[in-house]
């Protein structure tokens, strides 16, 4: 059961990252992305940095 939940979580995080990257490429600011997703600005910055987006 926990293995399935962890796999689901990993897939959800991959989708989250993809959407944040897409939003940034579309011109949204980190603040806007954070507000729209409900994630902190630090989380958004961390995801962008991990994918080489400044």
C-alpha atoms as a PDB file:
ATOM      1  CA  UNK A   1       0.000   0.000   0.000  1.00  0.00           C
ATOM      2  CA  UNK A   2       2.699   2.502   0.955  1.00  0.00           C
ATOM      3  CA  UNK A   3       4.708   1.645  -2.180  1.00  0.00           C
ATOM      4  CA  UNK A   4       1.744   2.553  -4.352  1.00  0.00           C
ATOM      5  CA  UNK A   5       1.204   5.791  -2.466  1.00  0.00           C
ATOM      6  CA  UNK A   6       4.867   6.765  -2.810  1.00  0.00           C
ATOM      7  CA  UNK A   7       4.802   5.986  -6.530  1.00  0.00           C
ATOM      8  CA  UNK A   8       1.680   8.100  -6.922  1.00  0.00           C
ATOM      9  CA  UNK A   9       3.351  10.935  -5.011  1.00  0.00           C
ATOM     10  CA  UNK A  10       6.429  10.791  -7.269  1.00  0.00           C
ATOM     11  CA  UNK A  11       4.265  11.010 -10.370  1.00  0.00           C
ATOM     12  CA  UNK A  12       2.291  13.897  -8.884  1.00  0.00           C
ATOM     13  CA  UNK A  13       5.529  15.777  -8.157  1.00  0.00           C
ATOM     14  CA  UNK A  14       6.722  15.254 -11.716  1.00  0.00           C
ATOM     15  CA  UNK A  15       3.474  16.731 -13.024  1.00  0.00           C
ATOM     16  CA  UNK A  16       3.755  19.620 -10.540  1.00  0.00           C
ATOM     17  CA  UNK A  17       7.262  20.394 -11.738  1.00  0.00           C
ATOM     18  CA  UNK A  18       6.189  20.240 -15.393  1.00  0.00           C
ATOM     19  CA  UNK A  19       3.333  22.686 -14.769  1.00  0.00           C
ATOM     20  CA  UNK A  20       5.568  25.100 -12.852  1.00  0.00           C
ATOM     21  CA  UNK A  21       8.154  25.034 -15.643  1.00  0.00           C
ATOM     22  CA  UNK A  22       5.430  25.591 -18.243  1.00  0.00           C
ATOM     23  CA  UNK A  23       4.049  28.524 -16.253  1.00  0.00           C
ATOM     24  CA  UNK A  24       7.492  30.125 -15.985  1.00  0.00           C
ATOM     25  CA  UNK A  25       8.101  29.678 -19.723  1.00  0.00           C
ATOM     26  CA  UNK A  26       4.715  31.322 -20.352  1.00  0.00           C
ATOM     27  CA  UNK A  27       5.972  34.392 -18.499  1.00  0.00           C
ATOM     28  CA  UNK A  28       4.414  34.007 -15.059  1.00  0.00           C
ATOM     29  CA  UNK A  29       6.464  35.289 -12.156  1.00  0.00           C
ATOM     30  CA  UNK A  30       7.577  33.047  -9.320  1.00  0.00           C
ATOM     31  CA  UNK A  31       5.189  34.921  -7.022  1.00  0.00           C
ATOM     32  CA  UNK A  32       2.258  34.341  -9.389  1.00  0.00           C
ATOM     33  CA  UNK A  33       3.104  30.666  -9.749  1.00  0.00           C
ATOM     34  CA  UNK A  34       3.319  30.295  -5.974  1.00  0.00           C
ATOM     35  CA  UNK A  35      -0.026  32.040  -5.484  1.00  0.00           C
ATOM     36  CA  UNK A  36      -1.758  29.936  -8.147  1.00  0.00           C
ATOM     37  CA  UNK A  37      -0.325  26.595  -7.022  1.00  0.00           C
ATOM     38  CA  UNK A  38      -0.467  27.146  -3.288  1.00  0.00           C
ATOM     39  CA  UNK A  39       3.224  26.278  -2.977  1.00  0.00           C
ATOM     40  CA  UNK A  40       5.661  28.595  -1.264  1.00  0.00           C
ATOM     41  CA  UNK A  41       7.889  30.846  -3.349  1.00  0.00           C
ATOM     42  CA  UNK A  42      10.847  28.874  -2.004  1.00  0.00           C
ATOM     43  CA  UNK A  43       9.362  25.643  -3.371  1.00  0.00           C
ATOM     44  CA  UNK A  44       8.762  27.236  -6.769  1.00  0.00           C
ATOM     45  CA  UNK A  45      12.318  28.637  -6.829  1.00  0.00           C
ATOM     46  CA  UNK A  46      13.731  25.262  -5.812  1.00  0.00           C
ATOM     47  CA  UNK A  47      11.880  23.464  -8.611  1.00  0.00           C
ATOM     48  CA  UNK A  48      12.975  26.036 -11.194  1.00  0.00           C
ATOM     49  CA  UNK A  49      16.576  25.866  -9.991  1.00  0.00           C
ATOM     50  CA  UNK A  50      16.564  22.048 -10.086  1.00  0.00           C
ATOM     51  CA  UNK A  51      15.571  22.248 -13.747  1.00  0.00           C
ATOM     52  CA  UNK A  52      18.109  24.923 -14.634  1.00  0.00           C
ATOM     53  CA  UNK A  53      15.626  27.791 -14.944  1.00  0.00           C
ATOM     54  CA  UNK A  54      16.636  31.050 -13.269  1.00  0.00           C
END
